[in-house]
Amino acid sequence: MDDFVHVSTGPSARPAPWRSVGEDFLANTKAERMFTEGFIVESLRRHHPKHHMSVTPTYNTDLLAFAAAHDDVTCTPHGDPENAVKERVFRPPQRRYNDDDDGAFEDVVQFAAYDYAFKGQQYLLYVVRGNDGPFGTTTINYVLAEDVTKGAAQSKADDLIRTATKWGLELHNEVLVFDQGWWQPNADLWRNVQ
């Protein structure tokens, strides 16, 4: 039997240290991968070594929707907004509710970074949608807080995640509609019923 010899002619699997997190994300979309979350965690640790990171899925905790609904929460693009990857989607009117609505455009975040402030605490928020194998996509929040004292950053991030998750579980002038395979809050139907 011959010994096994591994020969590689391609580039190294480790990301280049001079690339930004956004460039790492885009580089990761051009190669085989099965765990985008792990790839982004490694990149964020490399680029933000003095920050504590909390990772939470958006289906559980939609931090962008939470910020949009609260005047005391600020969320602004971090760095160059041109580095964000967003899909522009037109949502047609939902005629079954007899609305005069003409539909609306929406930006669906694939990758973006935000400066996020909640209760006087500052965070760096990355929202990343990853295609992880045959089971579809998952959008993840990466909440980074400057780690000044041990445990304080985790406590601050936990407070944000807890509050936003509880808010997301409540209905806000909405009714639940079973649509496209899961229950979704629908404000248009609620307004029509009123």
N, C-alpha and C. Protein backbone atom coordinates (compact mmCIF):
# COMPACT_ATOMS: atom_id res chain seq x y z
N MET A 1 0.83 -1.19 0.00
CA MET A 1 0.00 0.00 0.00
C MET A 1 0.87 1.24 0.00
N ASP A 2 0.50 2.22 -0.81
CA ASP A 2 1.22 3.49 -0.85
C ASP A 2 0.74 4.40 0.28
N ASP A 3 1.66 5.23 0.78
CA ASP A 3 1.27 6.23 1.77
C ASP A 3 0.38 7.27 1.11
N PHE A 4 -0.56 7.82 1.89
CA PHE A 4 -1.44 8.87 1.39
C PHE A 4 -0.69 10.19 1.41
N VAL A 5 -0.73 10.90 0.32
CA VAL A 5 -0.08 12.20 0.22
C VAL A 5 -1.14 13.21 -0.17
N HIS A 6 -1.29 14.26 0.64
CA HIS A 6 -2.27 15.31 0.37
C HIS A 6 -1.59 16.44 -0.40
N VAL A 7 -2.09 16.74 -1.57
CA VAL A 7 -1.53 17.81 -2.38
C VAL A 7 -2.61 18.86 -2.57
N SER A 8 -2.29 20.10 -2.27
CA SER A 8 -3.24 21.19 -2.43
C SER A 8 -2.63 22.25 -3.30
N THR A 9 -3.39 22.69 -4.29
CA THR A 9 -2.89 23.76 -5.16
C THR A 9 -3.69 25.03 -4.98
N GLY A 10 -4.77 24.97 -4.18
CA GLY A 10 -5.63 26.14 -3.99
C GLY A 10 -5.14 27.02 -2.86
N PRO A 11 -5.85 28.14 -2.66
CA PRO A 11 -5.48 29.06 -1.58
C PRO A 11 -5.80 28.44 -0.23
N SER A 12 -5.18 28.99 0.79
CA SER A 12 -5.41 28.52 2.15
C SER A 12 -6.86 28.74 2.54
N ALA A 13 -7.42 27.86 3.37
CA ALA A 13 -8.80 27.99 3.83
C ALA A 13 -8.94 29.11 4.86
N ARG A 14 -7.83 29.51 5.49
CA ARG A 14 -7.90 30.58 6.49
C ARG A 14 -8.03 31.93 5.80
N PRO A 15 -8.93 32.78 6.29
CA PRO A 15 -9.12 34.09 5.66
C PRO A 15 -7.87 34.96 5.80
N ALA A 16 -7.70 35.82 4.85
CA ALA A 16 -6.56 36.74 4.89
C ALA A 16 -6.77 37.75 6.00
N PRO A 17 -5.73 38.07 6.79
CA PRO A 17 -5.89 38.97 7.94
C PRO A 17 -6.22 40.41 7.56
N TRP A 18 -5.96 40.82 6.35
CA TRP A 18 -6.18 42.21 5.95
C TRP A 18 -7.61 42.45 5.47
N ARG A 19 -8.39 41.40 5.32
CA ARG A 19 -9.78 41.59 4.85
C ARG A 19 -10.67 42.00 6.01
N SER A 20 -11.73 42.72 5.68
CA SER A 20 -12.72 43.09 6.69
C SER A 20 -13.68 41.93 6.90
N VAL A 21 -14.56 42.05 7.89
CA VAL A 21 -15.56 41.00 8.14
C VAL A 21 -16.46 40.86 6.92
N GLY A 22 -16.84 41.99 6.31
CA GLY A 22 -17.68 41.95 5.11
C GLY A 22 -16.98 41.24 3.96
N GLU A 23 -15.70 41.51 3.78
CA GLU A 23 -14.95 40.83 2.72
C GLU A 23 -14.83 39.33 3.02
N ASP A 24 -14.66 38.99 4.30
CA ASP A 24 -14.64 37.56 4.67
C ASP A 24 -15.97 36.90 4.33
N PHE A 25 -17.09 37.61 4.62
CA PHE A 25 -18.41 37.07 4.32
C PHE A 25 -18.56 36.80 2.82
N LEU A 26 -18.18 37.78 2.01
CA LEU A 26 -18.29 37.60 0.57
C LEU A 26 -17.36 36.52 0.05
N ALA A 27 -16.16 36.43 0.61
CA ALA A 27 -15.23 35.37 0.19
C ALA A 27 -15.80 34.00 0.54
N ASN A 28 -16.51 33.92 1.66
CA ASN A 28 -17.10 32.66 2.09
C ASN A 28 -18.25 32.22 1.18
N THR A 29 -18.88 33.16 0.49
CA THR A 29 -19.99 32.81 -0.39
C THR A 29 -19.51 32.22 -1.71
N LYS A 30 -18.21 32.28 -1.96
CA LYS A 30 -17.66 31.80 -3.23
C LYS A 30 -17.05 30.42 -3.12
N ALA A 31 -17.17 29.79 -1.98
CA ALA A 31 -16.54 28.49 -1.79
C ALA A 31 -17.51 27.55 -1.10
N GLU A 32 -17.14 26.28 -1.05
CA GLU A 32 -17.96 25.33 -0.32
C GLU A 32 -17.89 25.64 1.16
N ARG A 33 -19.06 25.63 1.79
CA ARG A 33 -19.10 25.83 3.22
C ARG A 33 -20.38 25.21 3.74
N MET A 34 -20.34 24.83 5.00
CA MET A 34 -21.52 24.23 5.60
C MET A 34 -21.93 24.95 6.88
N PHE A 35 -21.12 25.84 7.40
CA PHE A 35 -21.42 26.46 8.67
C PHE A 35 -20.98 27.92 8.65
N THR A 36 -21.81 28.77 8.04
CA THR A 36 -21.49 30.19 7.92
C THR A 36 -21.30 30.81 9.30
N GLU A 37 -22.10 30.40 10.27
CA GLU A 37 -22.01 30.98 11.61
C GLU A 37 -20.60 30.83 12.19
N GLY A 38 -20.02 29.65 12.07
CA GLY A 38 -18.66 29.43 12.57
C GLY A 38 -17.64 30.29 11.86
N PHE A 39 -17.81 30.45 10.56
CA PHE A 39 -16.91 31.26 9.76
C PHE A 39 -16.96 32.73 10.20
N ILE A 40 -18.18 33.25 10.41
CA ILE A 40 -18.34 34.65 10.82
C ILE A 40 -17.83 34.85 12.24
N VAL A 41 -18.09 33.90 13.14
CA VAL A 41 -17.57 34.01 14.51
C VAL A 41 -16.06 34.13 14.50
N GLU A 42 -15.39 33.30 13.71
CA GLU A 42 -13.92 33.36 13.62
C GLU A 42 -13.47 34.72 13.11
N SER A 43 -14.14 35.24 12.09
CA SER A 43 -13.77 36.53 11.52
C SER A 43 -14.00 37.66 12.53
N LEU A 44 -15.13 37.63 13.25
CA LEU A 44 -15.41 38.68 14.22
C LEU A 44 -14.42 38.64 15.38
N ARG A 45 -14.05 37.46 15.83
CA ARG A 45 -13.05 37.35 16.90
C ARG A 45 -11.71 37.92 16.46
N ARG A 46 -11.38 37.71 15.22
CA ARG A 46 -10.11 38.21 14.70
C ARG A 46 -10.14 39.74 14.56
N HIS A 47 -11.27 40.30 14.11
CA HIS A 47 -11.36 41.73 13.87
C HIS A 47 -11.75 42.54 15.12
N HIS A 48 -12.37 41.89 16.10
CA HIS A 48 -12.81 42.60 17.31
C HIS A 48 -12.37 41.82 18.55
N PRO A 49 -11.06 41.69 18.79
CA PRO A 49 -10.58 40.82 19.87
C PRO A 49 -10.92 41.33 21.28
N LYS A 50 -11.24 42.61 21.43
CA LYS A 50 -11.53 43.16 22.75
C LYS A 50 -13.03 43.23 23.04
N HIS A 51 -13.82 42.56 22.22
CA HIS A 51 -15.26 42.58 22.39
C HIS A 51 -15.77 41.20 22.81
N HIS A 52 -16.82 41.23 23.62
CA HIS A 52 -17.53 39.99 23.96
C HIS A 52 -18.61 39.79 22.90
N MET A 53 -18.80 38.56 22.45
CA MET A 53 -19.77 38.28 21.40
C MET A 53 -20.89 37.40 21.92
N SER A 54 -22.13 37.81 21.62
CA SER A 54 -23.31 36.98 21.87
C SER A 54 -23.96 36.72 20.52
N VAL A 55 -24.32 35.47 20.28
CA VAL A 55 -24.88 35.07 18.99
C VAL A 55 -26.32 34.60 19.22
N THR A 56 -27.26 35.17 18.44
CA THR A 56 -28.67 34.79 18.59
C THR A 56 -29.36 34.86 17.23
N PRO A 57 -30.24 33.91 16.94
CA PRO A 57 -30.94 33.93 15.64
C PRO A 57 -31.99 35.04 15.59
N THR A 58 -32.23 35.59 14.40
CA THR A 58 -33.20 36.68 14.27
C THR A 58 -34.64 36.18 14.36
N TYR A 59 -34.90 34.91 14.04
CA TYR A 59 -36.29 34.44 14.15
C TYR A 59 -36.76 34.49 15.60
N ASN A 60 -35.83 34.48 16.52
CA ASN A 60 -36.12 34.54 17.94
C ASN A 60 -36.02 35.97 18.46
N THR A 61 -35.05 36.72 17.94
CA THR A 61 -34.74 38.06 18.43
C THR A 61 -34.40 38.96 17.25
N ASP A 62 -35.40 39.67 16.73
CA ASP A 62 -35.18 40.56 15.59
C ASP A 62 -34.78 41.93 16.10
N LEU A 63 -33.48 42.14 16.24
CA LEU A 63 -32.97 43.39 16.82
C LEU A 63 -33.22 44.59 15.92
N LEU A 64 -33.28 44.39 14.60
CA LEU A 64 -33.56 45.51 13.69
C LEU A 64 -35.02 45.96 13.84
N ALA A 65 -35.96 45.02 13.91
CA ALA A 65 -37.37 45.37 14.11
C ALA A 65 -37.58 46.01 15.48
N PHE A 66 -36.88 45.49 16.49
CA PHE A 66 -36.97 46.05 17.84
C PHE A 66 -36.52 47.51 17.83
N ALA A 67 -35.41 47.80 17.16
CA ALA A 67 -34.91 49.18 17.10
C ALA A 67 -35.87 50.08 16.34
N ALA A 68 -36.45 49.57 15.25
CA ALA A 68 -37.36 50.37 14.45
C ALA A 68 -38.63 50.73 15.22
N ALA A 69 -39.01 49.90 16.18
CA ALA A 69 -40.25 50.11 16.92
C ALA A 69 -40.06 50.93 18.20
N HIS A 70 -38.83 51.22 18.56
CA HIS A 70 -38.56 51.92 19.82
C HIS A 70 -37.75 53.19 19.59
N ASP A 71 -38.27 54.31 20.08
CA ASP A 71 -37.58 55.59 19.93
C ASP A 71 -36.32 55.68 20.78
N ASP A 72 -36.26 54.88 21.86
CA ASP A 72 -35.10 54.96 22.75
C ASP A 72 -33.97 54.00 22.35
N VAL A 73 -34.11 53.33 21.20
CA VAL A 73 -33.07 52.44 20.68
C VAL A 73 -32.57 53.05 19.37
N THR A 74 -31.26 53.18 19.23
CA THR A 74 -30.72 53.69 17.97
C THR A 74 -29.95 52.59 17.25
N CYS A 75 -30.09 52.61 15.94
CA CYS A 75 -29.43 51.62 15.09
C CYS A 75 -29.04 52.32 13.80
N THR A 76 -27.74 52.56 13.61
CA THR A 76 -27.26 53.25 12.42
C THR A 76 -26.20 52.37 11.74
N PRO A 77 -26.06 52.49 10.43
CA PRO A 77 -25.05 51.69 9.74
C PRO A 77 -23.66 51.94 10.30
N HIS A 78 -22.89 50.88 10.46
CA HIS A 78 -21.52 50.95 10.95
C HIS A 78 -20.57 50.95 9.76
N GLY A 79 -19.63 51.87 9.76
CA GLY A 79 -18.66 51.91 8.67
C GLY A 79 -19.30 52.35 7.38
N ASP A 80 -18.80 51.85 6.29
CA ASP A 80 -19.29 52.21 4.97
C ASP A 80 -20.54 51.42 4.64
N PRO A 81 -21.72 52.08 4.48
CA PRO A 81 -22.96 51.37 4.17
C PRO A 81 -22.89 50.58 2.85
N GLU A 82 -21.95 50.97 1.99
CA GLU A 82 -21.79 50.26 0.73
C GLU A 82 -21.29 48.83 0.93
N ASN A 83 -20.75 48.52 2.12
CA ASN A 83 -20.28 47.16 2.39
C ASN A 83 -21.42 46.22 2.76
N ALA A 84 -22.61 46.76 3.00
CA ALA A 84 -23.75 45.92 3.34
C ALA A 84 -24.26 45.20 2.09
N VAL A 85 -24.85 44.05 2.31
CA VAL A 85 -25.48 43.29 1.22
C VAL A 85 -26.96 43.16 1.57
N LYS A 86 -27.81 43.79 0.76
CA LYS A 86 -29.25 43.76 1.01
C LYS A 86 -29.98 43.43 -0.27
N GLU A 87 -31.06 42.68 -0.14
CA GLU A 87 -31.93 42.39 -1.28
C GLU A 87 -33.09 43.37 -1.27
N ARG A 88 -33.38 43.97 -2.40
CA ARG A 88 -34.52 44.88 -2.52
C ARG A 88 -35.70 44.05 -3.00
N VAL A 89 -36.73 43.96 -2.15
CA VAL A 89 -37.87 43.09 -2.44
C VAL A 89 -39.14 43.93 -2.48
N PHE A 90 -39.97 43.70 -3.49
CA PHE A 90 -41.28 44.35 -3.56
C PHE A 90 -42.32 43.39 -3.01
N ARG A 91 -43.04 43.82 -1.99
CA ARG A 91 -44.11 43.02 -1.40
C ARG A 91 -45.43 43.51 -2.01
N PRO A 92 -46.07 42.67 -2.85
CA PRO A 92 -47.32 43.10 -3.49
C PRO A 92 -48.43 43.28 -2.46
N PRO A 93 -49.47 44.01 -2.83
CA PRO A 93 -50.57 44.21 -1.89
C PRO A 93 -51.24 42.89 -1.56
N GLN A 94 -51.72 42.80 -0.32
CA GLN A 94 -52.41 41.59 0.10
C GLN A 94 -53.91 41.80 -0.15
N ARG A 95 -54.33 41.56 -1.38
CA ARG A 95 -55.68 41.88 -1.82
C ARG A 95 -56.78 41.14 -1.06
N ARG A 96 -56.44 40.04 -0.46
CA ARG A 96 -57.48 39.29 0.25
C ARG A 96 -58.05 40.06 1.43
N TYR A 97 -57.40 41.15 1.83
CA TYR A 97 -57.90 41.95 2.94
C TYR A 97 -58.64 43.19 2.46
N ASN A 98 -58.88 43.29 1.15
CA ASN A 98 -59.59 44.43 0.55
C ASN A 98 -58.89 45.76 0.84
N ASP A 99 -57.58 45.72 0.90
CA ASP A 99 -56.81 46.95 1.16
C ASP A 99 -56.65 47.74 -0.12
N ASP A 100 -56.51 49.04 0.05
CA ASP A 100 -56.15 49.91 -1.07
C ASP A 100 -54.64 50.03 -1.18
N ASP A 101 -53.94 49.24 -0.40
CA ASP A 101 -52.48 49.25 -0.37
C ASP A 101 -51.93 48.92 -1.75
N ASP A 102 -50.90 49.64 -2.14
CA ASP A 102 -50.29 49.41 -3.44
C ASP A 102 -49.05 48.52 -3.34
N GLY A 103 -48.81 47.95 -2.17
CA GLY A 103 -47.60 47.16 -1.97
C GLY A 103 -46.50 48.05 -1.42
N ALA A 104 -45.37 47.44 -1.12
CA ALA A 104 -44.26 48.20 -0.55
C ALA A 104 -42.94 47.52 -0.85
N PHE A 105 -41.88 48.32 -0.85
CA PHE A 105 -40.53 47.79 -1.00
C PHE A 105 -39.94 47.54 0.38
N GLU A 106 -39.07 46.56 0.44
CA GLU A 106 -38.41 46.21 1.69
C GLU A 106 -36.98 45.80 1.38
N ASP A 107 -36.06 46.19 2.25
CA ASP A 107 -34.68 45.74 2.14
C ASP A 107 -34.48 44.57 3.08
N VAL A 108 -34.11 43.42 2.53
CA VAL A 108 -33.85 42.22 3.32
C VAL A 108 -32.34 42.10 3.49
N VAL A 109 -31.90 42.15 4.75
CA VAL A 109 -30.47 42.17 5.06
C VAL A 109 -29.87 40.78 4.85
N GLN A 110 -28.81 40.74 4.06
CA GLN A 110 -28.01 39.52 3.90
C GLN A 110 -26.74 39.63 4.76
N PHE A 111 -26.18 40.82 4.76
CA PHE A 111 -25.01 41.12 5.59
C PHE A 111 -24.98 42.62 5.84
N ALA A 112 -24.90 43.00 7.12
CA ALA A 112 -24.77 44.42 7.45
C ALA A 112 -24.26 44.56 8.87
N ALA A 113 -23.60 45.69 9.14
CA ALA A 113 -23.08 46.00 10.47
C ALA A 113 -23.72 47.31 10.93
N TYR A 114 -24.04 47.38 12.23
CA TYR A 114 -24.73 48.54 12.78
C TYR A 114 -24.10 48.95 14.11
N ASP A 115 -24.10 50.26 14.36
CA ASP A 115 -23.85 50.78 15.70
C ASP A 115 -25.21 50.80 16.37
N TYR A 116 -25.31 50.12 17.50
CA TYR A 116 -26.59 49.87 18.15
C TYR A 116 -26.49 50.37 19.59
N ALA A 117 -27.47 51.15 20.03
CA ALA A 117 -27.48 51.66 21.40
C ALA A 117 -28.81 51.31 22.06
N PHE A 118 -28.72 50.76 23.28
CA PHE A 118 -29.90 50.36 24.04
C PHE A 118 -29.62 50.62 25.52
N LYS A 119 -30.51 51.38 26.16
CA LYS A 119 -30.36 51.74 27.58
C LYS A 119 -28.98 52.34 27.88
N GLY A 120 -28.51 53.19 26.99
CA GLY A 120 -27.23 53.86 27.19
C GLY A 120 -26.01 52.98 26.93
N GLN A 121 -26.21 51.73 26.57
CA GLN A 121 -25.11 50.82 26.27
C GLN A 121 -24.86 50.80 24.76
N GLN A 122 -23.61 50.75 24.38
CA GLN A 122 -23.23 50.72 22.96
C GLN A 122 -22.87 49.30 22.54
N TYR A 123 -23.33 48.91 21.37
CA TYR A 123 -23.04 47.59 20.82
C TYR A 123 -22.63 47.74 19.36
N LEU A 124 -21.96 46.75 18.88
CA LEU A 124 -21.70 46.62 17.45
C LEU A 124 -22.51 45.39 17.04
N LEU A 125 -23.45 45.58 16.13
CA LEU A 125 -24.34 44.50 15.71
C LEU A 125 -24.06 44.11 14.27
N TYR A 126 -23.79 42.84 14.05
CA TYR A 126 -23.70 42.30 12.70
C TYR A 126 -24.92 41.42 12.48
N VAL A 127 -25.59 41.59 11.35
CA VAL A 127 -26.70 40.74 10.97
C VAL A 127 -26.27 40.03 9.69
N VAL A 128 -26.23 38.69 9.76
CA VAL A 128 -25.69 37.89 8.66
C VAL A 128 -26.66 36.76 8.34
N ARG A 129 -27.00 36.65 7.07
CA ARG A 129 -27.83 35.54 6.60
C ARG A 129 -26.91 34.54 5.92
N GLY A 130 -26.91 33.30 6.42
CA GLY A 130 -26.02 32.28 5.89
C GLY A 130 -26.79 31.13 5.28
N ASN A 131 -26.28 30.62 4.19
CA ASN A 131 -26.85 29.46 3.54
C ASN A 131 -26.07 28.25 4.01
N ASP A 132 -26.63 27.51 4.93
CA ASP A 132 -25.91 26.42 5.57
C ASP A 132 -26.44 25.06 5.13
N GLY A 133 -26.02 24.64 3.97
CA GLY A 133 -26.35 23.30 3.50
C GLY A 133 -27.75 23.20 2.94
N PRO A 134 -28.29 22.00 2.93
CA PRO A 134 -29.56 21.74 2.26
C PRO A 134 -30.78 22.21 3.04
N PHE A 135 -30.60 22.75 4.23
CA PHE A 135 -31.74 23.09 5.07
C PHE A 135 -32.11 24.56 5.02
N GLY A 136 -31.68 25.27 4.02
CA GLY A 136 -32.08 26.66 3.85
C GLY A 136 -31.15 27.64 4.53
N THR A 137 -31.69 28.83 4.72
CA THR A 137 -30.88 29.92 5.27
C THR A 137 -31.31 30.25 6.70
N THR A 138 -30.38 30.82 7.43
CA THR A 138 -30.64 31.29 8.79
C THR A 138 -30.02 32.67 8.92
N THR A 139 -30.75 33.60 9.49
CA THR A 139 -30.21 34.93 9.74
C THR A 139 -29.85 35.02 11.22
N ILE A 140 -28.63 35.46 11.48
CA ILE A 140 -28.08 35.48 12.83
C ILE A 140 -27.68 36.90 13.21
N ASN A 141 -27.95 37.27 14.49
CA ASN A 141 -27.43 38.51 15.08
C ASN A 141 -26.14 38.18 15.81
N TYR A 142 -25.12 38.96 15.58
CA TYR A 142 -23.87 38.87 16.33
C TYR A 142 -23.75 40.18 17.11
N VAL A 143 -23.97 40.12 18.41
CA VAL A 143 -23.98 41.30 19.26
C VAL A 143 -22.61 41.39 19.94
N LEU A 144 -21.87 42.45 19.65
CA LEU A 144 -20.55 42.64 20.24
C LEU A 144 -20.60 43.81 21.21
N ALA A 145 -20.13 43.56 22.43
CA ALA A 145 -20.04 44.60 23.45
C ALA A 145 -18.60 44.66 23.92
N GLU A 146 -18.12 45.87 24.12
CA GLU A 146 -16.74 46.01 24.59
C GLU A 146 -16.62 45.37 25.96
N ASP A 147 -15.65 44.50 26.11
CA ASP A 147 -15.48 43.70 27.32
C ASP A 147 -14.54 44.41 28.29
N VAL A 148 -15.09 45.38 29.06
CA VAL A 148 -14.26 46.13 29.98
C VAL A 148 -14.03 45.38 31.28
N THR A 149 -15.06 44.74 31.80
CA THR A 149 -14.90 43.92 33.01
C THR A 149 -15.52 42.56 32.75
N LYS A 150 -14.93 41.56 33.35
CA LYS A 150 -15.37 40.19 33.13
C LYS A 150 -16.84 40.04 33.51
N GLY A 151 -17.65 39.56 32.61
CA GLY A 151 -19.05 39.30 32.87
C GLY A 151 -19.97 40.47 32.60
N ALA A 152 -19.47 41.71 32.65
CA ALA A 152 -20.33 42.87 32.44
C ALA A 152 -20.85 42.93 31.01
N ALA A 153 -20.01 42.62 30.04
CA ALA A 153 -20.44 42.65 28.64
C ALA A 153 -21.51 41.60 28.38
N GLN A 154 -21.37 40.41 28.96
CA GLN A 154 -22.38 39.37 28.78
C GLN A 154 -23.70 39.80 29.41
N SER A 155 -23.65 40.41 30.57
CA SER A 155 -24.85 40.86 31.25
C SER A 155 -25.58 41.92 30.43
N LYS A 156 -24.83 42.87 29.85
CA LYS A 156 -25.43 43.92 29.02
C LYS A 156 -26.07 43.32 27.77
N ALA A 157 -25.37 42.40 27.12
CA ALA A 157 -25.91 41.77 25.92
C ALA A 157 -27.15 40.93 26.25
N ASP A 158 -27.11 40.23 27.38
CA ASP A 158 -28.27 39.41 27.80
C ASP A 158 -29.49 40.29 28.03
N ASP A 159 -29.30 41.48 28.61
CA ASP A 159 -30.42 42.39 28.85
C ASP A 159 -31.05 42.81 27.52
N LEU A 160 -30.22 43.16 26.54
CA LEU A 160 -30.73 43.53 25.22
C LEU A 160 -31.48 42.36 24.57
N ILE A 161 -30.88 41.19 24.56
CA ILE A 161 -31.49 40.03 23.91
C ILE A 161 -32.80 39.65 24.61
N ARG A 162 -32.81 39.64 25.95
CA ARG A 162 -34.02 39.31 26.71
C ARG A 162 -35.15 40.28 26.38
N THR A 163 -34.86 41.58 26.42
CA THR A 163 -35.89 42.59 26.18
C THR A 163 -36.43 42.51 24.75
N ALA A 164 -35.54 42.37 23.78
CA ALA A 164 -35.97 42.31 22.38
C ALA A 164 -36.75 41.02 22.10
N THR A 165 -36.36 39.92 22.70
CA THR A 165 -37.08 38.66 22.49
C THR A 165 -38.47 38.74 23.09
N LYS A 166 -38.60 39.26 24.31
CA LYS A 166 -39.92 39.40 24.94
C LYS A 166 -40.81 40.31 24.11
N TRP A 167 -40.25 41.42 23.60
CA TRP A 167 -41.02 42.32 22.75
C TRP A 167 -41.50 41.59 21.50
N GLY A 168 -40.63 40.79 20.89
CA GLY A 168 -40.97 40.08 19.66
C GLY A 168 -42.05 39.03 19.84
N LEU A 169 -42.22 38.53 21.05
CA LEU A 169 -43.25 37.52 21.31
C LEU A 169 -44.64 38.14 21.50
N GLU A 170 -44.69 39.44 21.72
CA GLU A 170 -45.96 40.13 21.90
C GLU A 170 -46.54 40.52 20.54
N LEU A 171 -47.86 40.66 20.49
CA LEU A 171 -48.51 41.18 19.30
C LEU A 171 -48.66 42.69 19.46
N HIS A 172 -48.35 43.45 18.41
CA HIS A 172 -48.40 44.91 18.43
C HIS A 172 -49.39 45.36 17.37
N ASN A 173 -50.67 45.41 17.74
CA ASN A 173 -51.74 45.71 16.78
C ASN A 173 -51.64 44.78 15.57
N GLU A 174 -51.56 43.49 15.87
CA GLU A 174 -51.43 42.44 14.86
C GLU A 174 -52.31 41.25 15.27
N VAL A 175 -52.59 40.39 14.31
CA VAL A 175 -53.18 39.09 14.59
C VAL A 175 -52.26 38.04 13.99
N LEU A 176 -52.29 36.84 14.54
CA LEU A 176 -51.48 35.76 13.99
C LEU A 176 -52.20 35.10 12.83
N VAL A 177 -51.48 34.92 11.74
CA VAL A 177 -52.01 34.28 10.54
C VAL A 177 -51.08 33.13 10.18
N PHE A 178 -51.66 31.95 9.94
CA PHE A 178 -50.84 30.82 9.50
C PHE A 178 -50.65 30.97 8.00
N ASP A 179 -49.43 31.34 7.59
CA ASP A 179 -49.16 31.66 6.19
C ASP A 179 -47.79 31.12 5.82
N GLN A 180 -47.70 30.44 4.71
CA GLN A 180 -46.45 29.88 4.17
C GLN A 180 -45.76 28.97 5.18
N GLY A 181 -46.54 28.21 5.93
CA GLY A 181 -45.98 27.17 6.78
C GLY A 181 -45.73 27.53 8.22
N TRP A 182 -45.95 28.78 8.63
CA TRP A 182 -45.77 29.12 10.03
C TRP A 182 -46.66 30.30 10.40
N TRP A 183 -46.83 30.51 11.70
CA TRP A 183 -47.63 31.61 12.21
C TRP A 183 -46.84 32.91 12.10
N GLN A 184 -47.49 33.92 11.50
CA GLN A 184 -46.84 35.20 11.31
C GLN A 184 -47.76 36.32 11.80
N PRO A 185 -47.22 37.31 12.50
CA PRO A 185 -48.05 38.45 12.89
C PRO A 185 -48.39 39.29 11.66
N ASN A 186 -49.64 39.76 11.59
CA ASN A 186 -50.07 40.52 10.42
C ASN A 186 -50.82 41.76 10.87
N ALA A 187 -50.20 42.93 10.70
CA ALA A 187 -50.81 44.19 11.10
C ALA A 187 -51.90 44.62 10.12
N ASP A 188 -51.75 44.28 8.83
CA ASP A 188 -52.75 44.66 7.84
C ASP A 188 -54.11 44.04 8.15
N LEU A 189 -54.13 42.78 8.48
CA LEU A 189 -55.39 42.11 8.81
C LEU A 189 -55.98 42.71 10.09
N TRP A 190 -55.14 43.01 11.06
CA TRP A 190 -55.63 43.61 12.30
C TRP A 190 -56.33 44.94 12.01
N ARG A 191 -55.69 45.79 11.17
CA ARG A 191 -56.29 47.09 10.83
C ARG A 191 -57.60 46.89 10.08
N ASN A 192 -57.67 45.93 9.19
CA ASN A 192 -58.88 45.67 8.42
C ASN A 192 -60.02 45.23 9.33
N VAL A 193 -59.71 44.39 10.31
CA VAL A 193 -60.72 43.92 11.26
C VAL A 193 -61.24 45.07 12.09
N GLN A 194 -60.39 46.03 12.44
CA GLN A 194 -60.82 47.16 13.26
C GLN A 194 -61.86 47.99 12.51
